Amino acid sequence: QVQLVESGGGLVQPGGSLRLSCAASGSIFRIATMGWYRQAPGKQRELVASISSGGTTIYADSVKGRFTISRENAKNTVYLQMNSLKPEDTAVYYCNRVGVVLPWGQGTQVTVSS
């Protein structure tokens, strides 16, 4: 069974940066379109960035120009570089396959606050 383990979250001031990592077990990773999702308190989980197995990326308008998704297939890992963070980026961040999702990991908390 595929397991997803997110890391790299923390507390950062507005305008700061964080880099999230997601390690996936299982061979399915290399052919899957992977995404970073986030869920803020009281809100639904939303997809903020995705990357295909070939490297094509798509971003939500709210993060376009500030976040960069990348992947390292040899390490079964997907990353999310987050720059110019805003308080509204505060959420628990998860990675998962786009489409038919896998069992969710525990996520990593990102808090943007002064």
C-alpha atoms as a PDB file:
ATOM      1  CA  GLN A   1       0.000   0.000   0.000  1.00  0.00           C
ATOM      2  CA  VAL A   2       1.253   3.457  -0.895  1.00  0.00           C
ATOM      3  CA  GLN A   3       2.119   5.724   2.001  1.00  0.00           C
ATOM      4  CA  LEU A   4       2.560   9.473   1.805  1.00  0.00           C
ATOM      5  CA  VAL A   5       4.655  11.364   4.361  1.00  0.00           C
ATOM      6  CA  GLU A   6       4.692  15.151   4.288  1.00  0.00           C
ATOM      7  CA  SER A   7       7.251  17.336   6.053  1.00  0.00           C
ATOM      8  CA  GLY A   8       8.731  20.820   6.089  1.00  0.00           C
ATOM      9  CA  GLY A   9       5.928  22.896   7.541  1.00  0.00           C
ATOM     10  CA  GLY A  10       6.299  25.420  10.321  1.00  0.00           C
ATOM     11  CA  LEU A  11       5.670  28.948  11.497  1.00  0.00           C
ATOM     12  CA  VAL A  12       6.864  31.703   9.177  1.00  0.00           C
ATOM     13  CA  GLN A  13       6.334  35.444   8.952  1.00  0.00           C
ATOM     14  CA  PRO A  14       4.432  36.986   6.053  1.00  0.00           C
ATOM     15  CA  GLY A  15       6.736  37.268   3.064  1.00  0.00           C
ATOM     16  CA  GLY A  16       8.791  34.302   4.172  1.00  0.00           C
ATOM     17  CA  SER A  17       9.463  30.977   2.471  1.00  0.00           C
ATOM     18  CA  LEU A  18       9.110  27.284   3.211  1.00  0.00           C
ATOM     19  CA  ARG A  19       9.872  24.143   1.266  1.00  0.00           C
ATOM     20  CA  LEU A  20       7.598  21.159   1.761  1.00  0.00           C
ATOM     21  CA  SER A  21       8.543  17.590   0.915  1.00  0.00           C
ATOM     22  CA  CYS A  22       6.408  14.523   0.345  1.00  0.00           C
ATOM     23  CA  ALA A  23       7.925  11.075   0.284  1.00  0.00           C
ATOM     24  CA  ALA A  24       5.832   8.345  -1.326  1.00  0.00           C
ATOM     25  CA  SER A  25       6.325   4.623  -1.138  1.00  0.00           C
ATOM     26  CA  GLY A  26       5.339   2.386  -4.013  1.00  0.00           C
ATOM     27  CA  SER A  27       6.068   2.290  -7.723  1.00  0.00           C
ATOM     28  CA  ILE A  28       2.835   4.091  -8.672  1.00  0.00           C
ATOM     29  CA  PHE A  29       4.453   7.432  -7.856  1.00  0.00           C
ATOM     30  CA  ARG A  30       6.521   7.551 -11.019  1.00  0.00           C
ATOM     31  CA  ILE A  31       3.527   7.430 -13.379  1.00  0.00           C
ATOM     32  CA  ALA A  32       1.105   9.473 -11.296  1.00  0.00           C
ATOM     33  CA  THR A  33       0.205  13.112 -11.526  1.00  0.00           C
ATOM     34  CA  MET A  34       0.878  14.338  -8.011  1.00  0.00           C
ATOM     35  CA  GLY A  35      -0.509  17.369  -6.280  1.00  0.00           C
ATOM     36  CA  TRP A  36      -0.246  19.481  -3.183  1.00  0.00           C
ATOM     37  CA  TYR A  37      -3.516  20.154  -1.415  1.00  0.00           C
ATOM     38  CA  ARG A  38      -4.273  22.331   1.577  1.00  0.00           C
ATOM     39  CA  GLN A  39      -7.052  22.592   4.107  1.00  0.00           C
ATOM     40  CA  ALA A  40      -7.565  25.678   6.213  1.00  0.00           C
ATOM     41  CA  PRO A  41      -9.715  25.603   9.371  1.00  0.00           C
ATOM     42  CA  GLY A  42     -13.394  25.507   8.462  1.00  0.00           C
ATOM     43  CA  LYS A  43     -12.693  25.182   4.740  1.00  0.00           C
ATOM     44  CA  GLN A  44     -12.687  22.363   2.241  1.00  0.00           C
ATOM     45  CA  ARG A  45      -9.471  20.798   1.066  1.00  0.00           C
ATOM     46  CA  GLU A  46      -8.264  22.401  -2.156  1.00  0.00           C
ATOM     47  CA  LEU A  47      -5.698  21.489  -4.779  1.00  0.00           C
ATOM     48  CA  VAL A  48      -3.083  24.244  -5.091  1.00  0.00           C
ATOM     49  CA  ALA A  49      -0.499  22.723  -7.428  1.00  0.00           C
ATOM     50  CA  SER A  50       0.004  19.617  -9.523  1.00  0.00           C
ATOM     51  CA  ILE A  51       2.756  18.054 -11.588  1.00  0.00           C
ATOM     52  CA  SER A  52       2.433  15.298 -14.150  1.00  0.00           C
ATOM     53  CA  SER A  53       4.854  12.421 -14.545  1.00  0.00           C
ATOM     54  CA  GLY A  54       6.371  14.382 -17.428  1.00  0.00           C
ATOM     55  CA  GLY A  55       6.769  17.569 -15.411  1.00  0.00           C
ATOM     56  CA  THR A  56       3.810  19.642 -16.586  1.00  0.00           C
ATOM     57  CA  THR A  57       2.671  21.914 -13.755  1.00  0.00           C
ATOM     58  CA  ILE A  58      -0.621  23.616 -12.971  1.00  0.00           C
ATOM     59  CA  TYR A  59      -1.269  26.106 -10.172  1.00  0.00           C
ATOM     60  CA  ALA A  60      -4.298  27.577  -8.499  1.00  0.00           C
ATOM     61  CA  ASP A  61      -4.640  31.294  -9.140  1.00  0.00           C
ATOM     62  CA  SER A  62      -4.155  31.992  -5.438  1.00  0.00           C
ATOM     63  CA  VAL A  63      -0.582  30.649  -5.472  1.00  0.00           C
ATOM     64  CA  LYS A  64       0.517  31.249  -9.056  1.00  0.00           C
ATOM     65  CA  GLY A  65       3.846  33.051  -9.202  1.00  0.00           C
ATOM     66  CA  ARG A  66       4.616  32.288  -5.541  1.00  0.00           C
ATOM     67  CA  PHE A  67       4.632  28.480  -5.275  1.00  0.00           C
ATOM     68  CA  THR A  68       6.654  26.014  -7.329  1.00  0.00           C
ATOM     69  CA  ILE A  69       5.958  22.289  -7.438  1.00  0.00           C
ATOM     70  CA  SER A  70       8.649  19.847  -8.503  1.00  0.00           C
ATOM     71  CA  ARG A  71       9.340  16.139  -8.298  1.00  0.00           C
ATOM     72  CA  GLU A  72      12.281  13.797  -8.079  1.00  0.00           C
ATOM     73  CA  ASN A  73      11.126  10.436  -9.402  1.00  0.00           C
ATOM     74  CA  ALA A  74      14.314   8.630  -8.396  1.00  0.00           C
ATOM     75  CA  LYS A  75      13.501   9.487  -4.790  1.00  0.00           C
ATOM     76  CA  ASN A  76       9.715   9.135  -5.053  1.00  0.00           C
ATOM     77  CA  THR A  77       9.483  12.659  -3.698  1.00  0.00           C
ATOM     78  CA  VAL A  78       7.485  15.740  -4.619  1.00  0.00           C
ATOM     79  CA  TYR A  79       8.284  19.234  -3.343  1.00  0.00           C
ATOM     80  CA  LEU A  80       6.477  22.514  -2.906  1.00  0.00           C
ATOM     81  CA  GLN A  81       8.593  25.659  -2.712  1.00  0.00           C
ATOM     82  CA  MET A  82       6.479  28.409  -1.188  1.00  0.00           C
ATOM     83  CA  ASN A  83       7.661  32.013  -1.409  1.00  0.00           C
ATOM     84  CA  SER A  84       6.069  35.327  -0.486  1.00  0.00           C
ATOM     85  CA  LEU A  85       3.825  33.547   1.979  1.00  0.00           C
ATOM     86  CA  LYS A  86       0.641  35.250   3.133  1.00  0.00           C
ATOM     87  CA  PRO A  87      -1.502  34.702   6.232  1.00  0.00           C
ATOM     88  CA  GLU A  88      -4.178  33.192   3.978  1.00  0.00           C
ATOM     89  CA  ASP A  89      -1.726  30.417   3.079  1.00  0.00           C
ATOM     90  CA  THR A  90      -2.092  29.084   6.621  1.00  0.00           C
ATOM     91  CA  ALA A  91      -3.364  25.513   6.384  1.00  0.00           C
ATOM     92  CA  VAL A  92      -2.448  21.864   6.701  1.00  0.00           C
ATOM     93  CA  TYR A  93      -0.721  20.838   3.487  1.00  0.00           C
ATOM     94  CA  TYR A  94      -1.037  17.364   2.009  1.00  0.00           C
ATOM     95  CA  CYS A  95       0.304  15.670  -1.070  1.00  0.00           C
ATOM     96  CA  ASN A  96      -1.619  13.054  -3.013  1.00  0.00           C
ATOM     97  CA  ARG A  97      -2.297  11.748  -6.437  1.00  0.00           C
ATOM     98  CA  VAL A  98      -4.555  13.913  -8.571  1.00  0.00           C
ATOM     99  CA  GLY A  99      -7.736  12.117  -9.591  1.00  0.00           C
ATOM    100  CA  VAL A 100      -8.154   8.870  -7.713  1.00  0.00           C
ATOM    101  CA  VAL A 101      -6.533   9.784  -4.419  1.00  0.00           C
ATOM    102  CA  LEU A 102      -4.461   7.465  -2.284  1.00  0.00           C
ATOM    103  CA  PRO A 103      -4.830   7.159   1.511  1.00  0.00           C
ATOM    104  CA  TRP A 104      -4.065  10.599   2.945  1.00  0.00           C
ATOM    105  CA  GLY A 105      -0.937  11.221   4.972  1.00  0.00           C
ATOM    106  CA  GLN A 106      -0.854  13.213   8.182  1.00  0.00           C
ATOM    107  CA  GLY A 107      -0.099  16.475   6.404  1.00  0.00           C
ATOM    108  CA  THR A 108       2.203  19.248   7.545  1.00  0.00           C
ATOM    109  CA  GLN A 109       1.044  22.445   9.233  1.00  0.00           C
ATOM    110  CA  VAL A 110       1.992  25.777   7.677  1.00  0.00           C
ATOM    111  CA  THR A 111       1.272  28.874   9.739  1.00  0.00           C
ATOM    112  CA  VAL A 112       1.961  32.327   8.337  1.00  0.00           C
ATOM    113  CA  SER A 113       1.786  34.928  11.059  1.00  0.00           C
ATOM    114  CA  SER A 114       3.714  37.855  12.465  1.00  0.00           C
END
